[in-house]
PDB file of N, CA and C in Angstrom:
ATOM      1  N   MET A   1      89.980 -14.412 -26.859  1.00  0.00           N
ATOM      2  CA  MET A   1      88.895 -15.247 -26.385  1.00  0.00           C
ATOM      3  C   MET A   1      89.481 -16.534 -25.808  1.00  0.00           C
ATOM      4  N   SER A   2      88.664 -17.216 -25.083  1.00  0.00           N
ATOM      5  CA  SER A   2      89.090 -18.493 -24.539  1.00  0.00           C
ATOM      6  C   SER A   2      88.151 -19.601 -24.997  1.00  0.00           C
ATOM      7  N   LEU A   3      88.621 -20.805 -24.905  1.00  0.00           N
ATOM      8  CA  LEU A   3      87.857 -21.956 -25.351  1.00  0.00           C
ATOM      9  C   LEU A   3      86.755 -22.283 -24.358  1.00  0.00           C
ATOM     10  N   SER A   4      85.552 -22.480 -24.870  1.00  0.00           N
ATOM     11  CA  SER A   4      84.424 -22.855 -24.023  1.00  0.00           C
ATOM     12  C   SER A   4      83.651 -23.989 -24.688  1.00  0.00           C
ATOM     13  N   PHE A   5      82.774 -24.597 -23.923  1.00  0.00           N
ATOM     14  CA  PHE A   5      81.982 -25.722 -24.405  1.00  0.00           C
ATOM     15  C   PHE A   5      80.511 -25.491 -24.046  1.00  0.00           C
ATOM     16  N   PRO A   6      79.889 -24.504 -24.696  1.00  0.00           N
ATOM     17  CA  PRO A   6      78.501 -24.181 -24.347  1.00  0.00           C
ATOM     18  C   PRO A   6      77.503 -25.244 -24.782  1.00  0.00           C
ATOM     19  N   ASN A   7      77.853 -26.041 -25.762  1.00  0.00           N
ATOM     20  CA  ASN A   7      76.967 -27.091 -26.255  1.00  0.00           C
ATOM     21  C   ASN A   7      77.478 -28.430 -25.729  1.00  0.00           C
ATOM     22  N   GLN A   8      76.687 -29.104 -24.935  1.00  0.00           N
ATOM     23  CA  GLN A   8      77.106 -30.355 -24.303  1.00  0.00           C
ATOM     24  C   GLN A   8      76.987 -31.573 -25.222  1.00  0.00           C
ATOM     25  N   SER A   9      76.586 -31.367 -26.471  1.00  0.00           N
ATOM     26  CA  SER A   9      76.397 -32.511 -27.359  1.00  0.00           C
ATOM     27  C   SER A   9      77.731 -33.151 -27.730  1.00  0.00           C
ATOM     28  N   ARG A  10      77.657 -34.432 -28.007  1.00  0.00           N
ATOM     29  CA  ARG A  10      78.805 -35.210 -28.451  1.00  0.00           C
ATOM     30  C   ARG A  10      78.256 -36.351 -29.280  1.00  0.00           C
ATOM     31  N   SER A  11      79.099 -36.915 -30.120  1.00  0.00           N
ATOM     32  CA  SER A  11      78.646 -38.026 -30.951  1.00  0.00           C
ATOM     33  C   SER A  11      79.763 -39.062 -31.060  1.00  0.00           C
ATOM     34  N   TYR A  12      79.361 -40.267 -31.337  1.00  0.00           N
ATOM     35  CA  TYR A  12      80.291 -41.377 -31.453  1.00  0.00           C
ATOM     36  C   TYR A  12      80.642 -41.586 -32.915  1.00  0.00           C
ATOM     37  N   GLU A  13      81.916 -41.730 -33.209  1.00  0.00           N
ATOM     38  CA  GLU A  13      82.383 -41.993 -34.567  1.00  0.00           C
ATOM     39  C   GLU A  13      82.854 -43.442 -34.620  1.00  0.00           C
ATOM     40  N   GLU A  14      82.066 -44.267 -35.250  1.00  0.00           N
ATOM     41  CA  GLU A  14      82.340 -45.706 -35.315  1.00  0.00           C
ATOM     42  C   GLU A  14      83.703 -46.004 -35.950  1.00  0.00           C
ATOM     43  N   ALA A  15      84.009 -45.348 -37.064  1.00  0.00           N
ATOM     44  CA  ALA A  15      85.241 -45.648 -37.794  1.00  0.00           C
ATOM     45  C   ALA A  15      86.487 -45.466 -36.926  1.00  0.00           C
ATOM     46  N   GLY A  16      86.505 -44.414 -36.137  1.00  0.00           N
ATOM     47  CA  GLY A  16      87.671 -44.144 -35.311  1.00  0.00           C
ATOM     48  C   GLY A  16      87.516 -44.581 -33.873  1.00  0.00           C
ATOM     49  N   LYS A  17      86.350 -45.133 -33.527  1.00  0.00           N
ATOM     50  CA  LYS A  17      86.058 -45.520 -32.137  1.00  0.00           C
ATOM     51  C   LYS A  17      86.403 -44.367 -31.201  1.00  0.00           C
ATOM     52  N   ARG A  18      85.823 -43.218 -31.475  1.00  0.00           N
ATOM     53  CA  ARG A  18      86.120 -42.027 -30.690  1.00  0.00           C
ATOM     54  C   ARG A  18      84.887 -41.138 -30.590  1.00  0.00           C
ATOM     55  N   ILE A  19      84.958 -40.201 -29.679  1.00  0.00           N
ATOM     56  CA  ILE A  19      83.868 -39.270 -29.444  1.00  0.00           C
ATOM     57  C   ILE A  19      84.228 -37.923 -30.052  1.00  0.00           C
ATOM     58  N   ARG A  20      83.287 -37.356 -30.791  1.00  0.00           N
ATOM     59  CA  ARG A  20      83.458 -36.028 -31.389  1.00  0.00           C
ATOM     60  C   ARG A  20      82.690 -35.027 -30.549  1.00  0.00           C
ATOM     61  N   PHE A  21      83.345 -33.897 -30.254  1.00  0.00           N
ATOM     62  CA  PHE A  21      82.677 -32.802 -29.556  1.00  0.00           C
ATOM     63  C   PHE A  21      83.253 -31.483 -30.055  1.00  0.00           C
ATOM     64  N   ILE A  22      82.547 -30.415 -29.802  1.00  0.00           N
ATOM     65  CA  ILE A  22      82.907 -29.108 -30.350  1.00  0.00           C
ATOM     66  C   ILE A  22      83.172 -28.112 -29.232  1.00  0.00           C
ATOM     67  N   GLY A  23      84.271 -27.377 -29.374  1.00  0.00           N
ATOM     68  CA  GLY A  23      84.560 -26.247 -28.505  1.00  0.00           C
ATOM     69  C   GLY A  23      84.336 -24.964 -29.291  1.00  0.00           C
ATOM     70  N   HIS A  24      84.248 -23.865 -28.580  1.00  0.00           N
ATOM     71  CA  HIS A  24      84.048 -22.571 -29.236  1.00  0.00           C
ATOM     72  C   HIS A  24      85.054 -21.564 -28.702  1.00  0.00           C
ATOM     73  N   ASP A  25      85.644 -20.842 -29.620  1.00  0.00           N
ATOM     74  CA  ASP A  25      86.518 -19.724 -29.284  1.00  0.00           C
ATOM     75  C   ASP A  25      85.895 -18.518 -29.980  1.00  0.00           C
ATOM     76  N   GLY A  26      85.108 -17.778 -29.236  1.00  0.00           N
ATOM     77  CA  GLY A  26      84.335 -16.705 -29.855  1.00  0.00           C
ATOM     78  C   GLY A  26      83.341 -17.313 -30.815  1.00  0.00           C
ATOM     79  N   MET A  27      83.376 -16.863 -32.051  1.00  0.00           N
ATOM     80  CA  MET A  27      82.441 -17.391 -33.039  1.00  0.00           C
ATOM     81  C   MET A  27      82.993 -18.607 -33.793  1.00  0.00           C
ATOM     82  N   PHE A  28      84.201 -19.024 -33.474  1.00  0.00           N
ATOM     83  CA  PHE A  28      84.831 -20.145 -34.174  1.00  0.00           C
ATOM     84  C   PHE A  28      84.535 -21.470 -33.482  1.00  0.00           C
ATOM     85  N   GLU A  29      84.150 -22.473 -34.277  1.00  0.00           N
ATOM     86  CA  GLU A  29      83.957 -23.827 -33.777  1.00  0.00           C
ATOM     87  C   GLU A  29      85.262 -24.591 -33.906  1.00  0.00           C
ATOM     88  N   ILE A  30      85.645 -25.249 -32.838  1.00  0.00           N
ATOM     89  CA  ILE A  30      86.885 -26.014 -32.810  1.00  0.00           C
ATOM     90  C   ILE A  30      86.523 -27.483 -32.624  1.00  0.00           C
ATOM     91  N   PRO A  31      86.796 -28.337 -33.628  1.00  0.00           N
ATOM     92  CA  PRO A  31      86.447 -29.759 -33.501  1.00  0.00           C
ATOM     93  C   PRO A  31      87.477 -30.527 -32.666  1.00  0.00           C
ATOM     94  N   PHE A  32      86.958 -31.386 -31.799  1.00  0.00           N
ATOM     95  CA  PHE A  32      87.773 -32.243 -30.952  1.00  0.00           C
ATOM     96  C   PHE A  32      87.289 -33.673 -31.062  1.00  0.00           C
ATOM     97  N   PHE A  33      88.222 -34.591 -30.858  1.00  0.00           N
ATOM     98  CA  PHE A  33      87.900 -36.008 -30.742  1.00  0.00           C
ATOM     99  C   PHE A  33      88.567 -36.528 -29.484  1.00  0.00           C
ATOM    100  N   ALA A  34      87.857 -37.344 -28.742  1.00  0.00           N
ATOM    101  CA  ALA A  34      88.429 -38.041 -27.594  1.00  0.00           C
ATOM    102  C   ALA A  34      88.706 -39.465 -28.052  1.00  0.00           C
ATOM    103  N   GLY A  35      89.981 -39.814 -28.139  1.00  0.00           N
ATOM    104  CA  GLY A  35      90.382 -41.113 -28.666  1.00  0.00           C
ATOM    105  C   GLY A  35      89.976 -42.287 -27.796  1.00  0.00           C
ATOM    106  N   SER A  36      89.892 -43.444 -28.412  1.00  0.00           N
ATOM    107  CA  SER A  36      89.441 -44.653 -27.715  1.00  0.00           C
ATOM    108  C   SER A  36      90.375 -45.071 -26.581  1.00  0.00           C
ATOM    109  N   ASP A  37      91.637 -44.679 -26.632  1.00  0.00           N
ATOM    110  CA  ASP A  37      92.557 -45.060 -25.555  1.00  0.00           C
ATOM    111  C   ASP A  37      92.199 -44.400 -24.222  1.00  0.00           C
ATOM    112  N   LEU A  38      91.336 -43.409 -24.256  1.00  0.00           N
ATOM    113  CA  LEU A  38      90.898 -42.759 -23.024  1.00  0.00           C
ATOM    114  C   LEU A  38      89.866 -43.583 -22.273  1.00  0.00           C
ATOM    115  N   PHE A  39      89.278 -44.547 -22.953  1.00  0.00           N
ATOM    116  CA  PHE A  39      88.184 -45.320 -22.382  1.00  0.00           C
ATOM    117  C   PHE A  39      88.481 -46.821 -22.480  1.00  0.00           C
ATOM    118  N   PRO A  40      89.481 -47.292 -21.744  1.00  0.00           N
ATOM    119  CA  PRO A  40      89.847 -48.712 -21.838  1.00  0.00           C
ATOM    120  C   PRO A  40      88.690 -49.616 -21.402  1.00  0.00           C
ATOM    121  N   GLY A  41      88.541 -50.706 -22.113  1.00  0.00           N
ATOM    122  CA  GLY A  41      87.519 -51.680 -21.776  1.00  0.00           C
ATOM    123  C   GLY A  41      86.138 -51.377 -22.333  1.00  0.00           C
ATOM    124  N   VAL A  42      85.967 -50.216 -22.934  1.00  0.00           N
ATOM    125  CA  VAL A  42      84.662 -49.850 -23.494  1.00  0.00           C
ATOM    126  C   VAL A  42      84.528 -50.488 -24.873  1.00  0.00           C
ATOM    127  N   THR A  43      83.360 -51.056 -25.151  1.00  0.00           N
ATOM    128  CA  THR A  43      83.190 -51.777 -26.413  1.00  0.00           C
ATOM    129  C   THR A  43      81.950 -51.385 -27.200  1.00  0.00           C
ATOM    130  N   SER A  44      81.147 -50.465 -26.673  1.00  0.00           N
ATOM    131  CA  SER A  44      79.909 -50.115 -27.378  1.00  0.00           C
ATOM    132  C   SER A  44      79.758 -48.599 -27.485  1.00  0.00           C
ATOM    133  N   GLU A  45      78.926 -48.182 -28.413  1.00  0.00           N
ATOM    134  CA  GLU A  45      78.651 -46.754 -28.577  1.00  0.00           C
ATOM    135  C   GLU A  45      78.117 -46.154 -27.280  1.00  0.00           C
ATOM    136  N   ALA A  46      77.146 -46.813 -26.682  1.00  0.00           N
ATOM    137  CA  ALA A  46      76.575 -46.307 -25.426  1.00  0.00           C
ATOM    138  C   ALA A  46      77.641 -46.222 -24.342  1.00  0.00           C
ATOM    139  N   GLY A  47      78.538 -47.194 -24.320  1.00  0.00           N
ATOM    140  CA  GLY A  47      79.619 -47.193 -23.340  1.00  0.00           C
ATOM    141  C   GLY A  47      80.568 -46.023 -23.539  1.00  0.00           C
ATOM    142  N   TYR A  48      80.933 -45.749 -24.789  1.00  0.00           N
ATOM    143  CA  TYR A  48      81.809 -44.607 -25.080  1.00  0.00           C
ATOM    144  C   TYR A  48      81.153 -43.300 -24.665  1.00  0.00           C
ATOM    145  N   LEU A  49      79.880 -43.137 -24.997  1.00  0.00           N
ATOM    146  CA  LEU A  49      79.179 -41.893 -24.653  1.00  0.00           C
ATOM    147  C   LEU A  49      79.085 -41.730 -23.141  1.00  0.00           C
ATOM    148  N   ARG A  50      78.789 -42.798 -22.432  1.00  0.00           N
ATOM    149  CA  ARG A  50      78.693 -42.756 -20.967  1.00  0.00           C
ATOM    150  C   ARG A  50      80.062 -42.445 -20.353  1.00  0.00           C
ATOM    151  N   ALA A  51      81.111 -43.084 -20.862  1.00  0.00           N
ATOM    152  CA  ALA A  51      82.459 -42.840 -20.351  1.00  0.00           C
ATOM    153  C   ALA A  51      82.875 -41.390 -20.602  1.00  0.00           C
ATOM    154  N   PHE A  52      82.536 -40.859 -21.766  1.00  0.00           N
ATOM    155  CA  PHE A  52      82.842 -39.458 -22.054  1.00  0.00           C
ATOM    156  C   PHE A  52      82.110 -38.554 -21.063  1.00  0.00           C
ATOM    157  N   ASP A  53      80.830 -38.801 -20.866  1.00  0.00           N
ATOM    158  CA  ASP A  53      80.043 -37.980 -19.941  1.00  0.00           C
ATOM    159  C   ASP A  53      80.626 -38.035 -18.529  1.00  0.00           C
ATOM    160  N   ASP A  54      81.063 -39.204 -18.097  1.00  0.00           N
ATOM    161  CA  ASP A  54      81.641 -39.359 -16.764  1.00  0.00           C
ATOM    162  C   ASP A  54      82.961 -38.599 -16.626  1.00  0.00           C
ATOM    163  N   ALA A  55      83.692 -38.454 -17.732  1.00  0.00           N
ATOM    164  CA  ALA A  55      85.001 -37.799 -17.713  1.00  0.00           C
ATOM    165  C   ALA A  55      84.973 -36.393 -18.310  1.00  0.00           C
ATOM    166  N   ARG A  56      83.784 -35.866 -18.540  1.00  0.00           N
ATOM    167  CA  ARG A  56      83.633 -34.596 -19.263  1.00  0.00           C
ATOM    168  C   ARG A  56      84.507 -33.472 -18.697  1.00  0.00           C
ATOM    169  N   VAL A  57      84.551 -33.294 -17.392  1.00  0.00           N
ATOM    170  CA  VAL A  57      85.331 -32.201 -16.792  1.00  0.00           C
ATOM    171  C   VAL A  57      86.809 -32.340 -17.134  1.00  0.00           C
ATOM    172  N   SER A  58      87.359 -33.528 -16.977  1.00  0.00           N
ATOM    173  CA  SER A  58      88.780 -33.722 -17.285  1.00  0.00           C
ATOM    174  C   SER A  58      89.046 -33.675 -18.787  1.00  0.00           C
ATOM    175  N   VAL A  59      88.096 -34.124 -19.602  1.00  0.00           N
ATOM    176  CA  VAL A  59      88.249 -34.043 -21.061  1.00  0.00           C
ATOM    177  C   VAL A  59      88.303 -32.579 -21.488  1.00  0.00           C
ATOM    178  N   TYR A  60      87.400 -31.764 -20.970  1.00  0.00           N
ATOM    179  CA  TYR A  60      87.393 -30.338 -21.324  1.00  0.00           C
ATOM    180  C   TYR A  60      88.674 -29.639 -20.852  1.00  0.00           C
ATOM    181  N   LYS A  61      89.164 -30.019 -19.690  1.00  0.00           N
ATOM    182  CA  LYS A  61      90.410 -29.441 -19.188  1.00  0.00           C
ATOM    183  C   LYS A  61      91.573 -29.792 -20.117  1.00  0.00           C
ATOM    184  N   ALA A  62      91.648 -31.053 -20.529  1.00  0.00           N
ATOM    185  CA  ALA A  62      92.697 -31.479 -21.461  1.00  0.00           C
ATOM    186  C   ALA A  62      92.543 -30.784 -22.811  1.00  0.00           C
ATOM    187  N   ALA A  63      91.315 -30.604 -23.260  1.00  0.00           N
ATOM    188  CA  ALA A  63      91.071 -29.920 -24.537  1.00  0.00           C
ATOM    189  C   ALA A  63      91.548 -28.469 -24.463  1.00  0.00           C
ATOM    190  N   ARG A  64      91.297 -27.808 -23.352  1.00  0.00           N
ATOM    191  CA  ARG A  64      91.767 -26.423 -23.200  1.00  0.00           C
ATOM    192  C   ARG A  64      93.294 -26.353 -23.225  1.00  0.00           C
ATOM    193  N   ARG A  65      93.954 -27.310 -22.569  1.00  0.00           N
ATOM    194  CA  ARG A  65      95.427 -27.334 -22.591  1.00  0.00           C
ATOM    195  C   ARG A  65      95.948 -27.556 -24.004  1.00  0.00           C
ATOM    196  N   ALA A  66      95.359 -28.524 -24.706  1.00  0.00           N
ATOM    197  CA  ALA A  66      95.798 -28.811 -26.078  1.00  0.00           C
ATOM    198  C   ALA A  66      95.581 -27.601 -26.980  1.00  0.00           C
ATOM    199  N   TYR A  67      94.453 -26.946 -26.819  1.00  0.00           N
ATOM    200  CA  TYR A  67      94.123 -25.780 -27.650  1.00  0.00           C
ATOM    201  C   TYR A  67      95.072 -24.616 -27.357  1.00  0.00           C
ATOM    202  N   SER A  68      95.404 -24.420 -26.094  1.00  0.00           N
ATOM    203  CA  SER A  68      96.283 -23.306 -25.745  1.00  0.00           C
ATOM    204  C   SER A  68      97.729 -23.551 -26.189  1.00  0.00           C
ATOM    205  N   ALA A  69      98.087 -24.813 -26.426  1.00  0.00           N
ATOM    206  CA  ALA A  69      99.454 -25.136 -26.856  1.00  0.00           C
ATOM    207  C   ALA A  69      99.714 -24.788 -28.317  1.00  0.00           C
ATOM    208  N   GLY A  70      98.682 -24.602 -29.099  1.00  0.00           N
ATOM    209  CA  GLY A  70      98.850 -24.263 -30.504  1.00  0.00           C
ATOM    210  C   GLY A  70      97.593 -24.552 -31.285  1.00  0.00           C
ATOM    211  N   ARG A  71      97.321 -23.733 -32.265  1.00  0.00           N
ATOM    212  CA  ARG A  71      96.097 -23.868 -33.055  1.00  0.00           C
ATOM    213  C   ARG A  71      96.256 -24.919 -34.141  1.00  0.00           C
ATOM    214  N   LYS A  72      95.241 -25.781 -34.238  1.00  0.00           N
ATOM    215  CA  LYS A  72      95.203 -26.839 -35.251  1.00  0.00           C
ATOM    216  C   LYS A  72      93.808 -26.854 -35.862  1.00  0.00           C
ATOM    217  N   PRO A  73      93.655 -27.471 -37.025  1.00  0.00           N
ATOM    218  CA  PRO A  73      92.318 -27.561 -37.620  1.00  0.00           C
ATOM    219  C   PRO A  73      91.413 -28.539 -36.880  1.00  0.00           C
ATOM    220  N   VAL A  74      91.991 -29.544 -36.216  1.00  0.00           N
ATOM    221  CA  VAL A  74      91.228 -30.521 -35.437  1.00  0.00           C
ATOM    222  C   VAL A  74      92.149 -31.066 -34.343  1.00  0.00           C
ATOM    223  N   TYR A  75      91.567 -31.420 -33.216  1.00  0.00           N
ATOM    224  CA  TYR A  75      92.331 -31.947 -32.089  1.00  0.00           C
ATOM    225  C   TYR A  75      91.847 -33.348 -31.762  1.00  0.00           C
ATOM    226  N   VAL A  76      92.791 -34.275 -31.617  1.00  0.00           N
ATOM    227  CA  VAL A  76      92.475 -35.635 -31.191  1.00  0.00           C
ATOM    228  C   VAL A  76      93.170 -35.839 -29.851  1.00  0.00           C
ATOM    229  N   LEU A  77      92.388 -35.898 -28.796  1.00  0.00           N
ATOM    230  CA  LEU A  77      92.943 -36.059 -27.462  1.00  0.00           C
ATOM    231  C   LEU A  77      93.260 -37.526 -27.190  1.00  0.00           C
ATOM    232  N   THR A  78      94.422 -37.758 -26.629  1.00  0.00           N
ATOM    233  CA  THR A  78      94.845 -39.098 -26.227  1.00  0.00           C
ATOM    234  C   THR A  78      95.315 -39.019 -24.765  1.00  0.00           C
ATOM    235  N   ARG A  79      95.735 -40.136 -24.218  1.00  0.00           N
ATOM    236  CA  ARG A  79      96.202 -40.165 -22.827  1.00  0.00           C
ATOM    237  C   ARG A  79      97.316 -39.146 -22.562  1.00  0.00           C
ATOM    238  N   VAL A  80      98.144 -38.889 -23.549  1.00  0.00           N
ATOM    239  CA  VAL A  80      99.242 -37.933 -23.405  1.00  0.00           C
ATOM    240  C   VAL A  80      98.725 -36.549 -23.016  1.00  0.00           C
ATOM    241  N   ASP A  81      97.562 -36.180 -23.516  1.00  0.00           N
ATOM    242  CA  ASP A  81      96.989 -34.862 -23.240  1.00  0.00           C
ATOM    243  C   ASP A  81      96.479 -34.708 -21.811  1.00  0.00           C
ATOM    244  N   PHE A  82      96.399 -35.813 -21.078  1.00  0.00           N
ATOM    245  CA  PHE A  82      95.890 -35.765 -19.717  1.00  0.00           C
ATOM    246  C   PHE A  82      96.996 -35.767 -18.675  1.00  0.00           C
ATOM    247  N   GLY A  83      98.263 -35.731 -19.138  1.00  0.00           N
ATOM    248  CA  GLY A  83      99.405 -35.799 -18.226  1.00  0.00           C
ATOM    249  C   GLY A  83      99.736 -34.590 -17.529  1.00  0.00           C
TER     250      GLY A  83
END
């Protein structure tokens, strides 16, 4: 199976200043976080969510690359994953 993102929902995690979203590989849910370093200058929950939505295509592409590189219980995407 391959990683997909059929559910467009995402949520903001205040403690980590990051966005949580879920990918699916068949029936398995794969948790992802988009780290705050991906959204420089953003300071509010609404700002993080808007920035994530604006970058959704590239975030999903980076998530697929990270997932294909090796299986982990959770993925935290940073700028390195977009290189």
